[in-house]
Amino acid sequence: MKLRIGTVIGFGVGYLLGTRAGRQRYLQIVRVVGQVGRSNPVAGTATLVADKSKAIASLGVERMKDTIGVRLGWRDGDDAADAIAFELSEELATALNSRRH
């Protein structure tokens, strides 16, 4: 309950300060936030997070397929899971190494 009350108070204070700042300050804030969002470090990090999120979702789907396949006797789940984990670890290592340079 404290979190909800704190959140409501935070939004209220933000709204109050925002309305007192006026349209000019609002436009300035929007401009600065836009510049930060388009900066190379932020855009690169956002792209990396998006790519890794897709990889995690893909891994989840593949693991689900493997689980169903093993339960139905269609394939060996250990071999499939090992191959997927190895492939994703290589992709992650490549992504992290490219971020350092």
N, C-alpha and C. Protein backbone atom coordinates (compact mmCIF):
# COMPACT_ATOMS: atom_id res chain seq x y z
N MET A 1 0.82 -1.19 0.00
CA MET A 1 0.00 0.00 0.00
C MET A 1 0.87 1.26 0.00
N LYS A 2 2.03 1.20 0.67
CA LYS A 2 2.92 2.35 0.70
C LYS A 2 3.39 2.72 -0.70
N LEU A 3 3.65 1.70 -1.52
CA LEU A 3 4.11 1.95 -2.88
C LEU A 3 3.05 2.70 -3.68
N ARG A 4 1.82 2.32 -3.53
CA ARG A 4 0.74 2.99 -4.26
C ARG A 4 0.57 4.43 -3.80
N ILE A 5 0.61 4.64 -2.51
CA ILE A 5 0.46 6.00 -1.99
C ILE A 5 1.64 6.87 -2.43
N GLY A 6 2.86 6.31 -2.35
CA GLY A 6 4.04 7.04 -2.79
C GLY A 6 3.99 7.36 -4.27
N THR A 7 3.51 6.42 -5.06
CA THR A 7 3.40 6.64 -6.50
C THR A 7 2.39 7.75 -6.79
N VAL A 8 1.26 7.70 -6.13
CA VAL A 8 0.24 8.73 -6.35
C VAL A 8 0.77 10.11 -5.93
N ILE A 9 1.45 10.16 -4.82
CA ILE A 9 2.03 11.43 -4.36
C ILE A 9 3.08 11.92 -5.35
N GLY A 10 3.92 10.99 -5.84
CA GLY A 10 4.94 11.36 -6.82
C GLY A 10 4.34 11.91 -8.10
N PHE A 11 3.31 11.24 -8.60
CA PHE A 11 2.64 11.74 -9.80
C PHE A 11 2.00 13.10 -9.55
N GLY A 12 1.40 13.25 -8.38
CA GLY A 12 0.76 14.53 -8.05
C GLY A 12 1.76 15.67 -7.99
N VAL A 13 2.88 15.44 -7.33
CA VAL A 13 3.93 16.47 -7.24
C VAL A 13 4.48 16.78 -8.63
N GLY A 14 4.72 15.73 -9.44
CA GLY A 14 5.20 15.94 -10.80
C GLY A 14 4.22 16.74 -11.64
N TYR A 15 2.95 16.42 -11.50
CA TYR A 15 1.93 17.15 -12.24
C TYR A 15 1.89 18.62 -11.81
N LEU A 16 1.93 18.84 -10.50
CA LEU A 16 1.88 20.20 -9.98
C LEU A 16 3.07 21.01 -10.47
N LEU A 17 4.26 20.45 -10.37
CA LEU A 17 5.45 21.16 -10.83
C LEU A 17 5.41 21.37 -12.34
N GLY A 18 4.91 20.38 -13.06
CA GLY A 18 4.81 20.49 -14.51
C GLY A 18 3.85 21.59 -14.94
N THR A 19 2.72 21.71 -14.25
CA THR A 19 1.77 22.75 -14.63
C THR A 19 2.30 24.13 -14.30
N ARG A 20 3.09 24.24 -13.25
CA ARG A 20 3.66 25.54 -12.90
C ARG A 20 4.79 25.93 -13.84
N ALA A 21 5.48 24.94 -14.41
CA ALA A 21 6.59 25.24 -15.30
C ALA A 21 6.11 25.85 -16.60
N GLY A 22 4.96 25.44 -17.05
CA GLY A 22 4.41 26.02 -18.26
C GLY A 22 4.83 25.30 -19.53
N ARG A 23 4.26 25.76 -20.61
CA ARG A 23 4.46 25.13 -21.92
C ARG A 23 5.92 25.23 -22.39
N GLN A 24 6.56 26.35 -22.14
CA GLN A 24 7.92 26.55 -22.60
C GLN A 24 8.88 25.54 -21.95
N ARG A 25 8.75 25.35 -20.66
CA ARG A 25 9.60 24.38 -19.96
C ARG A 25 9.28 22.96 -20.42
N TYR A 26 8.01 22.69 -20.66
CA TYR A 26 7.60 21.38 -21.15
C TYR A 26 8.28 21.07 -22.48
N LEU A 27 8.26 22.01 -23.40
CA LEU A 27 8.89 21.81 -24.70
C LEU A 27 10.40 21.62 -24.56
N GLN A 28 11.01 22.34 -23.62
CA GLN A 28 12.44 22.19 -23.38
C GLN A 28 12.74 20.77 -22.87
N ILE A 29 11.94 20.29 -21.94
CA ILE A 29 12.12 18.94 -21.39
C ILE A 29 11.95 17.89 -22.49
N VAL A 30 10.92 18.04 -23.32
CA VAL A 30 10.67 17.10 -24.40
C VAL A 30 11.85 17.09 -25.38
N ARG A 31 12.39 18.26 -25.68
CA ARG A 31 13.53 18.36 -26.59
C ARG A 31 14.76 17.64 -26.01
N VAL A 32 15.04 17.86 -24.73
CA VAL A 32 16.20 17.22 -24.09
C VAL A 32 16.01 15.71 -24.04
N VAL A 33 14.83 15.25 -23.69
CA VAL A 33 14.57 13.81 -23.63
C VAL A 33 14.73 13.19 -25.02
N GLY A 34 14.27 13.88 -26.04
CA GLY A 34 14.43 13.40 -27.41
C GLY A 34 15.89 13.29 -27.80
N GLN A 35 16.69 14.27 -27.43
CA GLN A 35 18.12 14.24 -27.74
C GLN A 35 18.81 13.08 -27.02
N VAL A 36 18.45 12.86 -25.78
CA VAL A 36 19.04 11.76 -25.02
C VAL A 36 18.65 10.43 -25.65
N GLY A 37 17.39 10.31 -26.05
CA GLY A 37 16.92 9.06 -26.66
C GLY A 37 17.60 8.76 -27.98
N ARG A 38 18.00 9.79 -28.70
CA ARG A 38 18.67 9.59 -29.99
C ARG A 38 20.19 9.49 -29.87
N SER A 39 20.73 9.69 -28.69
CA SER A 39 22.19 9.63 -28.52
C SER A 39 22.68 8.21 -28.77
N ASN A 40 23.91 8.09 -29.21
CA ASN A 40 24.48 6.79 -29.57
C ASN A 40 24.48 5.78 -28.42
N PRO A 41 24.91 6.14 -27.21
CA PRO A 41 24.92 5.13 -26.14
C PRO A 41 23.52 4.62 -25.79
N VAL A 42 22.55 5.52 -25.73
CA VAL A 42 21.19 5.11 -25.37
C VAL A 42 20.57 4.28 -26.49
N ALA A 43 20.73 4.74 -27.73
CA ALA A 43 20.16 4.00 -28.86
C ALA A 43 20.82 2.63 -28.99
N GLY A 44 22.14 2.56 -28.79
CA GLY A 44 22.83 1.28 -28.87
C GLY A 44 22.38 0.33 -27.78
N THR A 45 22.22 0.84 -26.59
CA THR A 45 21.76 0.01 -25.48
C THR A 45 20.34 -0.47 -25.72
N ALA A 46 19.49 0.42 -26.21
CA ALA A 46 18.10 0.03 -26.50
C ALA A 46 18.06 -1.05 -27.56
N THR A 47 18.91 -0.93 -28.58
CA THR A 47 18.96 -1.95 -29.63
C THR A 47 19.45 -3.28 -29.06
N LEU A 48 20.48 -3.23 -28.23
CA LEU A 48 21.00 -4.45 -27.62
C LEU A 48 19.96 -5.11 -26.74
N VAL A 49 19.24 -4.33 -25.95
CA VAL A 49 18.20 -4.88 -25.08
C VAL A 49 17.08 -5.50 -25.92
N ALA A 50 16.69 -4.83 -27.00
CA ALA A 50 15.65 -5.36 -27.87
C ALA A 50 16.09 -6.68 -28.49
N ASP A 51 17.33 -6.74 -28.97
CA ASP A 51 17.84 -7.96 -29.59
C ASP A 51 17.89 -9.10 -28.58
N LYS A 52 18.35 -8.81 -27.39
CA LYS A 52 18.44 -9.86 -26.37
C LYS A 52 17.05 -10.29 -25.91
N SER A 53 16.10 -9.36 -25.87
CA SER A 53 14.73 -9.73 -25.50
C SER A 53 14.13 -10.67 -26.54
N LYS A 54 14.40 -10.39 -27.81
CA LYS A 54 13.93 -11.30 -28.86
C LYS A 54 14.58 -12.67 -28.72
N ALA A 55 15.88 -12.68 -28.40
CA ALA A 55 16.59 -13.95 -28.24
C ALA A 55 16.02 -14.75 -27.06
N ILE A 56 15.69 -14.07 -25.99
CA ILE A 56 15.12 -14.74 -24.82
C ILE A 56 13.74 -15.31 -25.15
N ALA A 57 12.94 -14.53 -25.87
CA ALA A 57 11.62 -15.02 -26.28
C ALA A 57 11.77 -16.22 -27.20
N SER A 58 12.71 -16.14 -28.12
CA SER A 58 12.96 -17.25 -29.04
C SER A 58 13.41 -18.50 -28.27
N LEU A 59 14.28 -18.30 -27.29
CA LEU A 59 14.74 -19.42 -26.47
C LEU A 59 13.55 -20.06 -25.74
N GLY A 60 12.68 -19.23 -25.21
CA GLY A 60 11.50 -19.76 -24.52
C GLY A 60 10.64 -20.61 -25.44
N VAL A 61 10.44 -20.13 -26.65
CA VAL A 61 9.64 -20.88 -27.62
C VAL A 61 10.32 -22.19 -27.97
N GLU A 62 11.63 -22.14 -28.20
CA GLU A 62 12.37 -23.36 -28.54
C GLU A 62 12.36 -24.36 -27.39
N ARG A 63 12.51 -23.87 -26.18
CA ARG A 63 12.48 -24.77 -25.02
C ARG A 63 11.10 -25.41 -24.88
N MET A 64 10.05 -24.63 -25.14
CA MET A 64 8.69 -25.17 -25.07
C MET A 64 8.51 -26.25 -26.14
N LYS A 65 9.00 -25.98 -27.35
CA LYS A 65 8.90 -26.99 -28.41
C LYS A 65 9.65 -28.25 -28.02
N ASP A 66 10.85 -28.07 -27.46
CA ASP A 66 11.63 -29.24 -27.05
C ASP A 66 10.93 -30.03 -25.96
N THR A 67 10.36 -29.32 -25.01
CA THR A 67 9.65 -29.99 -23.92
C THR A 67 8.49 -30.80 -24.45
N ILE A 68 7.73 -30.19 -25.35
CA ILE A 68 6.59 -30.91 -25.93
C ILE A 68 7.08 -32.08 -26.77
N GLY A 69 8.17 -31.85 -27.54
CA GLY A 69 8.71 -32.92 -28.37
C GLY A 69 9.21 -34.09 -27.56
N VAL A 70 9.85 -33.81 -26.45
CA VAL A 70 10.36 -34.89 -25.58
C VAL A 70 9.19 -35.65 -24.97
N ARG A 71 8.19 -34.92 -24.53
CA ARG A 71 7.04 -35.58 -23.90
C ARG A 71 6.31 -36.49 -24.88
N LEU A 72 6.29 -36.06 -26.15
CA LEU A 72 5.62 -36.86 -27.17
C LEU A 72 6.55 -37.89 -27.81
N GLY A 73 7.84 -37.87 -27.40
CA GLY A 73 8.79 -38.84 -27.91
C GLY A 73 9.33 -38.52 -29.30
N TRP A 74 9.26 -37.26 -29.73
CA TRP A 74 9.70 -36.90 -31.07
C TRP A 74 11.19 -36.65 -31.17
N ARG A 75 11.83 -36.18 -30.08
CA ARG A 75 13.26 -35.87 -30.14
C ARG A 75 13.89 -35.94 -28.76
N ASP A 76 15.21 -35.87 -28.74
CA ASP A 76 15.97 -35.89 -27.50
C ASP A 76 16.11 -34.46 -27.00
N GLY A 77 15.47 -34.13 -25.92
CA GLY A 77 15.44 -32.76 -25.40
C GLY A 77 16.79 -32.25 -24.94
N ASP A 78 17.63 -33.10 -24.37
CA ASP A 78 18.93 -32.64 -23.87
C ASP A 78 19.81 -32.12 -25.00
N ASP A 79 19.86 -32.86 -26.10
CA ASP A 79 20.68 -32.42 -27.23
C ASP A 79 20.16 -31.11 -27.80
N ALA A 80 18.87 -30.99 -27.94
CA ALA A 80 18.28 -29.77 -28.51
C ALA A 80 18.52 -28.58 -27.58
N ALA A 81 18.31 -28.76 -26.29
CA ALA A 81 18.50 -27.67 -25.34
C ALA A 81 19.96 -27.24 -25.29
N ASP A 82 20.89 -28.20 -25.34
CA ASP A 82 22.31 -27.86 -25.34
C ASP A 82 22.69 -27.05 -26.57
N ALA A 83 22.16 -27.44 -27.72
CA ALA A 83 22.47 -26.72 -28.96
C ALA A 83 21.94 -25.29 -28.91
N ILE A 84 20.75 -25.11 -28.40
CA ILE A 84 20.16 -23.78 -28.31
C ILE A 84 20.95 -22.93 -27.32
N ALA A 85 21.27 -23.47 -26.17
CA ALA A 85 22.02 -22.71 -25.16
C ALA A 85 23.40 -22.32 -25.68
N PHE A 86 24.06 -23.22 -26.40
CA PHE A 86 25.38 -22.92 -26.95
C PHE A 86 25.28 -21.80 -27.99
N GLU A 87 24.28 -21.86 -28.85
CA GLU A 87 24.10 -20.84 -29.89
C GLU A 87 23.84 -19.47 -29.25
N LEU A 88 22.97 -19.42 -28.26
CA LEU A 88 22.66 -18.14 -27.61
C LEU A 88 23.85 -17.60 -26.84
N SER A 89 24.64 -18.48 -26.22
CA SER A 89 25.81 -17.99 -25.50
C SER A 89 26.83 -17.39 -26.46
N GLU A 90 26.97 -17.99 -27.64
CA GLU A 90 27.86 -17.41 -28.64
C GLU A 90 27.37 -16.04 -29.11
N GLU A 91 26.06 -15.92 -29.34
CA GLU A 91 25.50 -14.64 -29.76
C GLU A 91 25.69 -13.58 -28.69
N LEU A 92 25.49 -13.93 -27.44
CA LEU A 92 25.66 -12.99 -26.34
C LEU A 92 27.11 -12.56 -26.23
N ALA A 93 28.04 -13.50 -26.33
CA ALA A 93 29.47 -13.17 -26.25
C ALA A 93 29.87 -12.24 -27.39
N THR A 94 29.37 -12.50 -28.59
CA THR A 94 29.67 -11.64 -29.74
C THR A 94 29.11 -10.23 -29.52
N ALA A 95 27.89 -10.15 -29.02
CA ALA A 95 27.26 -8.83 -28.79
C ALA A 95 28.02 -8.06 -27.72
N LEU A 96 28.41 -8.72 -26.65
CA LEU A 96 29.13 -8.04 -25.58
C LEU A 96 30.52 -7.61 -26.03
N ASN A 97 31.18 -8.45 -26.79
CA ASN A 97 32.52 -8.09 -27.30
C ASN A 97 32.45 -6.91 -28.28
N SER A 98 31.41 -6.86 -29.08
CA SER A 98 31.30 -5.75 -30.03
C SER A 98 30.97 -4.44 -29.32
N ARG A 99 30.31 -4.50 -28.17
CA ARG A 99 29.97 -3.30 -27.40
C ARG A 99 31.24 -2.67 -26.76
N ARG A 100 32.23 -3.52 -26.48
CA ARG A 100 33.45 -3.02 -25.82
C ARG A 100 34.31 -2.21 -26.77
N HIS A 101 34.22 -2.49 -28.06
CA HIS A 101 35.10 -1.83 -29.05
C HIS A 101 34.46 -0.64 -29.65
